[in-house]
N, C-alpha and C. Protein backbone atom coordinates (compact mmCIF):
# COMPACT_ATOMS: atom_id res chain seq x y z
N MET A 1 42.98 126.28 189.55
CA MET A 1 43.48 127.67 189.38
C MET A 1 44.51 127.88 190.60
N SER A 2 45.52 128.51 190.48
CA SER A 2 46.38 128.87 191.58
C SER A 2 45.89 130.03 192.05
N ALA A 3 46.06 130.23 193.32
CA ALA A 3 45.96 131.56 194.35
C ALA A 3 46.77 132.53 193.61
N PRO A 4 46.30 134.05 193.37
CA PRO A 4 46.95 134.98 192.83
C PRO A 4 48.53 135.31 193.59
N ILE A 5 48.50 134.94 194.92
CA ILE A 5 49.81 135.25 195.68
C ILE A 5 50.76 134.32 195.57
N ALA A 6 50.42 133.00 194.57
CA ALA A 6 51.35 132.08 194.35
C ALA A 6 52.59 132.13 193.91
N SER A 7 52.60 133.49 193.06
CA SER A 7 53.99 133.77 192.32
C SER A 7 54.26 135.00 192.73
N ALA A 8 53.66 135.60 194.13
CA ALA A 8 54.18 136.80 194.65
C ALA A 8 55.52 136.74 195.29
N HIS A 9 56.18 137.94 195.31
CA HIS A 9 57.42 137.89 195.99
C HIS A 9 57.32 138.08 197.50
N LEU A 10 58.04 137.64 198.46
CA LEU A 10 57.65 137.52 199.72
C LEU A 10 58.48 138.29 200.41
N ARG A 11 58.04 139.08 201.25
CA ARG A 11 58.92 140.18 202.47
C ARG A 11 58.64 139.38 203.64
N VAL A 12 59.66 138.75 204.55
CA VAL A 12 59.34 138.49 206.14
C VAL A 12 59.96 139.62 206.88
N ALA A 13 59.11 140.24 207.42
CA ALA A 13 59.57 141.68 208.23
C ALA A 13 59.34 141.43 209.69
N ARG A 14 60.34 141.75 210.44
CA ARG A 14 60.14 141.45 212.13
C ARG A 14 60.85 142.66 212.73
N PRO A 15 60.47 142.99 213.91
CA PRO A 15 61.30 143.99 214.46
C PRO A 15 62.37 143.73 215.53
N THR A 16 63.33 144.49 215.76
CA THR A 16 64.43 144.29 216.57
C THR A 16 64.89 145.56 217.37
N ASN A 17 65.58 145.24 218.18
CA ASN A 17 66.21 146.47 219.00
C ASN A 17 67.37 146.86 218.51
N ASN A 18 68.06 146.17 217.82
CA ASN A 18 69.32 146.41 217.30
C ASN A 18 69.79 145.92 216.03
N ILE A 19 69.57 146.51 214.97
CA ILE A 19 69.47 145.90 213.69
C ILE A 19 71.11 145.79 213.36
N ASP A 20 71.94 146.37 213.84
CA ASP A 20 73.49 146.08 213.51
C ASP A 20 73.73 144.95 214.10
N ALA A 21 73.33 144.48 215.12
CA ALA A 21 73.59 143.19 216.03
C ALA A 21 73.19 142.00 215.23
N LEU A 22 72.43 142.01 214.23
CA LEU A 22 71.91 140.94 213.32
C LEU A 22 72.72 140.66 212.23
N LEU A 23 73.49 141.96 211.77
CA LEU A 23 74.47 141.76 210.48
C LEU A 23 75.41 140.43 210.46
N PRO A 24 76.23 140.18 211.63
CA PRO A 24 77.01 139.07 211.57
C PRO A 24 76.27 137.88 211.23
N PHE A 25 75.14 137.56 211.60
CA PHE A 25 74.46 136.25 211.48
C PHE A 25 73.72 136.37 210.12
N TYR A 26 73.24 137.33 209.56
CA TYR A 26 72.51 137.12 208.28
C TYR A 26 73.44 137.71 207.06
N VAL A 27 74.26 138.59 207.29
CA VAL A 27 75.21 138.83 206.38
C VAL A 27 76.61 137.94 206.08
N ASN A 28 77.14 137.93 207.14
CA ASN A 28 78.59 137.08 206.99
C ASN A 28 78.15 135.50 207.28
N GLY A 29 77.11 135.23 208.12
CA GLY A 29 77.01 133.74 208.15
C GLY A 29 76.02 133.16 206.93
N LEU A 30 74.91 133.92 206.91
CA LEU A 30 73.93 133.46 205.75
C LEU A 30 74.07 133.90 204.27
N GLY A 31 75.08 134.82 204.19
CA GLY A 31 75.61 135.72 202.72
C GLY A 31 74.38 136.45 202.35
N PHE A 32 73.56 136.82 203.14
CA PHE A 32 72.64 137.95 202.61
C PHE A 32 73.22 139.15 202.20
N LYS A 33 72.82 140.07 201.40
CA LYS A 33 73.38 141.12 200.72
C LYS A 33 72.26 142.34 201.31
N LYS A 34 72.98 143.33 201.56
CA LYS A 34 71.95 144.34 201.78
C LYS A 34 71.30 145.00 200.24
N ILE A 35 69.84 144.96 200.40
CA ILE A 35 69.30 145.27 198.99
C ILE A 35 68.45 146.66 199.36
N GLY A 36 68.57 147.19 200.68
CA GLY A 36 67.73 148.46 201.02
C GLY A 36 67.77 148.88 202.38
N GLU A 37 67.60 150.10 202.60
CA GLU A 37 67.71 150.73 204.05
C GLU A 37 66.73 151.86 204.06
N PHE A 38 66.44 152.28 205.26
CA PHE A 38 65.88 153.53 205.33
C PHE A 38 66.29 154.09 206.97
N HIS A 39 66.21 155.16 207.34
CA HIS A 39 66.61 156.06 208.56
C HIS A 39 65.55 156.91 208.58
N ASP A 40 64.98 156.86 210.25
CA ASP A 40 64.04 157.73 210.69
C ASP A 40 63.00 158.00 209.80
N HIS A 41 62.45 157.13 209.35
CA HIS A 41 61.17 157.01 208.34
C HIS A 41 59.81 156.96 209.50
N ASP A 42 59.38 158.07 209.92
CA ASP A 42 58.30 158.19 210.96
C ASP A 42 58.62 157.43 212.22
N GLY A 43 60.26 157.61 212.79
CA GLY A 43 60.60 157.02 213.87
C GLY A 43 61.10 155.79 213.65
N PHE A 44 61.19 155.16 212.36
CA PHE A 44 61.47 153.71 212.14
C PHE A 44 62.94 153.71 211.46
N ASP A 45 63.90 152.85 211.58
CA ASP A 45 64.89 152.46 210.94
C ASP A 45 64.80 150.98 210.24
N GLY A 46 65.13 150.89 209.09
CA GLY A 46 65.01 149.56 208.43
C GLY A 46 66.04 149.14 207.65
N LEU A 47 66.26 147.87 207.60
CA LEU A 47 67.24 147.18 206.69
C LEU A 47 66.65 145.96 205.78
N MET A 48 66.80 145.77 204.51
CA MET A 48 66.32 144.68 203.75
C MET A 48 67.48 144.05 203.33
N LEU A 49 67.50 142.75 203.50
CA LEU A 49 68.41 141.82 203.02
C LEU A 49 67.97 140.86 202.16
N GLY A 50 68.64 140.30 201.11
CA GLY A 50 68.17 139.40 200.20
C GLY A 50 69.38 138.64 199.37
N HIS A 51 68.89 137.77 198.58
CA HIS A 51 69.97 137.07 197.70
C HIS A 51 69.45 137.27 196.18
N GLU A 52 70.01 137.44 195.62
CA GLU A 52 69.94 138.13 194.14
C GLU A 52 69.05 136.62 193.54
N GLY A 53 67.87 137.04 192.79
CA GLY A 53 67.01 136.06 192.28
C GLY A 53 66.28 135.29 193.00
N ALA A 54 66.28 135.47 194.25
CA ALA A 54 65.48 134.91 195.50
C ALA A 54 63.92 135.37 195.18
N GLY A 55 62.98 134.67 195.52
CA GLY A 55 61.71 135.10 195.54
C GLY A 55 61.39 135.40 196.98
N TYR A 56 62.01 136.04 197.80
CA TYR A 56 61.87 136.48 199.16
C TYR A 56 62.98 137.43 199.47
N HIS A 57 62.73 138.13 200.29
CA HIS A 57 63.68 139.10 201.17
C HIS A 57 63.61 139.21 202.79
N LEU A 58 64.19 139.66 203.44
CA LEU A 58 63.87 139.89 204.87
C LEU A 58 64.06 141.52 205.13
N GLU A 59 63.37 141.93 205.94
CA GLU A 59 63.20 143.29 206.51
C GLU A 59 63.32 143.24 208.24
N PHE A 60 64.29 144.00 208.50
CA PHE A 60 64.30 144.31 209.80
C PHE A 60 64.31 145.70 210.26
N THR A 61 63.31 146.05 211.16
CA THR A 61 62.95 147.54 211.49
C THR A 61 63.02 147.54 213.12
N ALA A 62 63.49 148.88 213.24
CA ALA A 62 63.58 149.26 214.76
C ALA A 62 63.07 150.77 214.95
N LYS A 63 62.22 150.72 215.88
CA LYS A 63 61.52 152.09 216.37
C LYS A 63 61.93 152.64 217.65
N ARG A 64 62.67 153.62 217.51
CA ARG A 64 63.03 154.34 218.84
C ARG A 64 62.03 154.43 219.71
N GLY A 65 62.33 154.04 221.00
CA GLY A 65 61.60 154.04 222.38
C GLY A 65 60.55 152.80 222.16
N HIS A 66 60.80 151.80 221.19
CA HIS A 66 59.99 150.70 221.46
C HIS A 66 60.79 149.44 221.53
N ASP A 67 60.53 148.75 222.67
CA ASP A 67 61.19 147.42 222.96
C ASP A 67 60.64 146.21 222.23
N ALA A 68 61.40 145.80 221.33
CA ALA A 68 60.87 144.67 220.40
C ALA A 68 61.00 143.39 221.09
N GLY A 69 61.93 143.28 222.09
CA GLY A 69 61.92 142.17 222.62
C GLY A 69 62.45 140.97 221.81
N ARG A 70 62.57 139.75 222.61
CA ARG A 70 63.29 138.50 221.67
C ARG A 70 62.35 137.61 221.53
N SER A 71 62.65 136.64 220.60
CA SER A 71 61.87 135.67 220.23
C SER A 71 60.86 135.20 221.16
N PRO A 72 59.43 134.83 220.90
CA PRO A 72 59.00 134.51 221.91
C PRO A 72 58.89 133.01 222.39
N THR A 73 59.58 132.16 221.39
CA THR A 73 59.74 130.80 221.63
C THR A 73 61.07 130.39 220.93
N GLN A 74 61.61 129.10 221.35
CA GLN A 74 62.68 128.74 220.57
C GLN A 74 62.29 127.65 219.24
N ASP A 75 61.04 127.84 218.84
CA ASP A 75 60.38 127.18 217.89
C ASP A 75 59.87 128.19 216.73
N ASN A 76 60.46 129.54 216.88
CA ASN A 76 60.29 130.47 215.71
C ASN A 76 61.30 130.22 214.74
N LEU A 77 61.04 129.77 213.76
CA LEU A 77 62.17 129.13 212.83
C LEU A 77 61.91 129.68 211.27
N MET A 78 63.12 130.07 210.66
CA MET A 78 63.13 130.26 209.17
C MET A 78 63.99 128.77 208.56
N ILE A 79 63.52 128.02 207.59
CA ILE A 79 64.06 126.99 207.24
C ILE A 79 64.48 127.03 205.81
N PHE A 80 65.74 126.73 205.57
CA PHE A 80 66.35 126.90 204.26
C PHE A 80 66.87 125.40 204.04
N TYR A 81 66.16 125.03 202.98
CA TYR A 81 66.24 123.56 202.48
C TYR A 81 67.47 123.23 201.43
N LEU A 82 68.35 122.67 201.78
CA LEU A 82 69.66 122.47 200.95
C LEU A 82 69.99 121.07 200.79
N PRO A 83 69.24 120.49 199.89
CA PRO A 83 69.34 119.13 199.46
C PRO A 83 70.73 118.49 199.15
N GLU A 84 71.63 119.27 198.40
CA GLU A 84 72.77 118.92 198.07
C GLU A 84 73.81 119.07 199.26
N LYS A 85 74.48 117.94 199.64
CA LYS A 85 75.45 117.80 200.58
C LYS A 85 76.49 118.83 200.72
N GLU A 86 77.07 119.20 199.57
CA GLU A 86 78.01 119.88 199.41
C GLU A 86 77.46 121.30 199.76
N LYS A 87 76.53 121.63 199.40
CA LYS A 87 75.79 123.13 199.58
C LYS A 87 75.59 123.56 200.98
N PHE A 88 75.08 122.15 201.54
CA PHE A 88 74.63 122.17 202.79
C PHE A 88 75.87 122.29 204.09
N ASP A 89 76.94 121.59 203.71
CA ASP A 89 78.11 121.58 204.41
C ASP A 89 78.73 123.05 204.27
N ASP A 90 79.01 123.62 203.01
CA ASP A 90 79.23 125.04 202.97
C ASP A 90 78.80 126.03 203.63
N ALA A 91 77.35 125.75 203.67
CA ALA A 91 76.47 126.74 204.45
C ALA A 91 76.93 126.69 205.99
N VAL A 92 76.85 125.42 206.44
CA VAL A 92 77.32 125.37 207.87
C VAL A 92 78.68 125.96 208.24
N ALA A 93 79.62 125.57 207.40
CA ALA A 93 80.85 126.26 207.44
C ALA A 93 80.98 127.78 207.36
N ARG A 94 80.12 128.17 206.61
CA ARG A 94 80.32 129.56 206.39
C ARG A 94 79.50 130.16 207.90
N MET A 95 78.69 129.61 208.50
CA MET A 95 78.02 130.15 209.81
C MET A 95 79.18 129.95 210.70
N GLU A 96 79.55 128.82 210.92
CA GLU A 96 81.00 128.58 211.82
C GLU A 96 82.03 129.67 211.35
N LYS A 97 82.27 129.98 210.22
CA LYS A 97 83.50 130.92 210.05
C LYS A 97 83.19 132.15 210.60
N ALA A 98 81.72 132.57 210.58
CA ALA A 98 81.33 133.76 211.10
C ALA A 98 81.17 133.86 212.49
N GLY A 99 81.53 132.70 213.11
CA GLY A 99 81.42 132.77 214.68
C GLY A 99 80.08 132.39 214.98
N ILE A 100 79.29 131.95 214.37
CA ILE A 100 77.94 131.52 214.68
C ILE A 100 77.76 130.07 215.01
N VAL A 101 77.40 129.69 216.23
CA VAL A 101 77.55 128.19 216.86
C VAL A 101 76.17 127.64 216.60
N SER A 102 76.19 126.37 216.18
CA SER A 102 74.77 125.66 216.30
C SER A 102 74.36 125.66 217.72
N VAL A 103 72.91 125.53 217.60
CA VAL A 103 72.15 125.31 219.04
C VAL A 103 71.35 123.97 218.87
N THR A 104 70.95 123.31 220.04
CA THR A 104 69.99 122.23 219.90
C THR A 104 68.64 122.73 219.65
N SER A 105 67.89 121.99 218.57
CA SER A 105 67.08 122.51 218.29
C SER A 105 65.65 122.16 219.33
N PHE A 106 64.71 122.97 219.45
CA PHE A 106 63.68 122.79 220.24
C PHE A 106 63.04 121.56 219.83
N ASN A 107 62.61 121.43 218.76
CA ASN A 107 61.99 119.99 218.10
C ASN A 107 63.27 119.16 217.47
N SER A 108 63.42 118.05 218.04
CA SER A 108 64.58 117.28 217.59
C SER A 108 64.59 116.92 216.03
N TYR A 109 63.42 116.86 215.59
CA TYR A 109 63.34 116.57 214.23
C TYR A 109 64.37 117.43 213.41
N TRP A 110 64.52 118.74 213.60
CA TRP A 110 65.76 119.41 212.79
C TRP A 110 67.03 119.07 213.30
N ASP A 111 67.32 118.60 214.39
CA ASP A 111 68.65 118.10 214.64
C ASP A 111 68.86 116.92 213.79
N GLN A 112 67.97 115.97 213.41
CA GLN A 112 68.09 114.74 212.47
C GLN A 112 68.41 115.13 211.34
N CYS A 113 67.96 116.46 210.61
CA CYS A 113 68.03 116.55 209.32
C CYS A 113 68.95 117.72 209.27
N GLY A 114 69.51 118.49 209.97
CA GLY A 114 70.19 119.71 209.90
C GLY A 114 70.78 120.19 210.87
N LYS A 115 71.13 121.61 210.76
CA LYS A 115 71.55 122.59 211.92
C LYS A 115 70.99 123.73 212.15
N THR A 116 70.68 123.84 213.36
CA THR A 116 70.32 125.22 213.97
C THR A 116 70.78 126.12 214.46
N PHE A 117 70.65 127.54 214.10
CA PHE A 117 71.46 128.44 214.68
C PHE A 117 70.56 129.55 214.89
N GLU A 118 71.06 130.31 215.95
CA GLU A 118 70.18 131.62 216.71
C GLU A 118 70.70 132.81 216.36
N ASP A 119 69.90 133.78 215.99
CA ASP A 119 70.49 134.92 215.87
C ASP A 119 70.32 135.96 217.17
N ALA A 120 70.73 137.02 217.30
CA ALA A 120 71.03 137.98 218.21
C ALA A 120 69.66 138.14 219.05
N ASP A 121 68.69 137.99 218.34
CA ASP A 121 67.25 138.25 219.09
C ASP A 121 66.59 136.93 219.60
N GLY A 122 67.39 135.75 219.33
CA GLY A 122 66.77 134.36 219.75
C GLY A 122 65.86 133.81 218.63
N TYR A 123 65.70 134.44 217.42
CA TYR A 123 65.03 133.92 216.45
C TYR A 123 66.18 132.79 215.53
N ARG A 124 65.62 131.73 215.38
CA ARG A 124 66.44 130.71 214.70
C ARG A 124 65.98 130.27 213.18
N VAL A 125 67.31 130.08 212.68
CA VAL A 125 67.50 129.51 211.25
C VAL A 125 67.92 128.06 211.34
N VAL A 126 67.11 127.42 210.70
CA VAL A 126 67.51 125.81 210.49
C VAL A 126 67.91 125.87 208.84
N LEU A 127 69.39 125.08 209.01
CA LEU A 127 69.76 124.77 207.52
C LEU A 127 69.63 123.34 207.06
N ALA A 128 68.68 122.90 206.55
CA ALA A 128 68.07 121.54 206.57
C ALA A 128 68.98 120.69 205.33
N ASN A 129 69.48 119.81 205.34
CA ASN A 129 69.92 118.97 204.59
C ASN A 129 69.03 117.96 203.91
N MET A 130 68.05 118.50 203.21
CA MET A 130 66.85 117.48 202.71
C MET A 130 66.11 118.57 201.64
N LYS A 131 65.49 117.79 200.80
CA LYS A 131 64.66 118.26 199.71
C LYS A 131 63.16 118.69 200.35
N TRP A 132 62.82 119.90 199.83
CA TRP A 132 61.57 120.17 200.32
C TRP A 132 60.58 119.81 199.01
N ASN A 133 59.33 118.86 199.37
CA ASN A 133 58.42 118.31 198.47
C ASN A 133 57.12 119.00 198.72
N LEU A 134 56.67 119.43 197.72
CA LEU A 134 55.32 119.98 197.81
C LEU A 134 54.19 119.15 197.59
């Protein structure tokens, strides 16, 4: 019997000091669409980004007077598995067209199977040219 959360929609939420600074990376580079936003909700502003039909979306929040800081390590990763070479190449090209330059991965494994990119807060996304097998 599977766990009840196995079919749940996933929201990955994290704070930032500057929501607007993340837009070139996630919208222009990774192709996310704005799916929701809020302003001054008990001192918080927020933005939700997603892809139609995906079982996940991202939320970025900012609270006035609170320093969210940067990623605590270079190994905080969100990984997108793109096994089809053409889709992988297209995704990398889209990032590069948006002016996002790849970085050397903290864990060299990710350099062997993909490209790593760092957002304005130091959090990293890996585009992996491989299939995820569960």
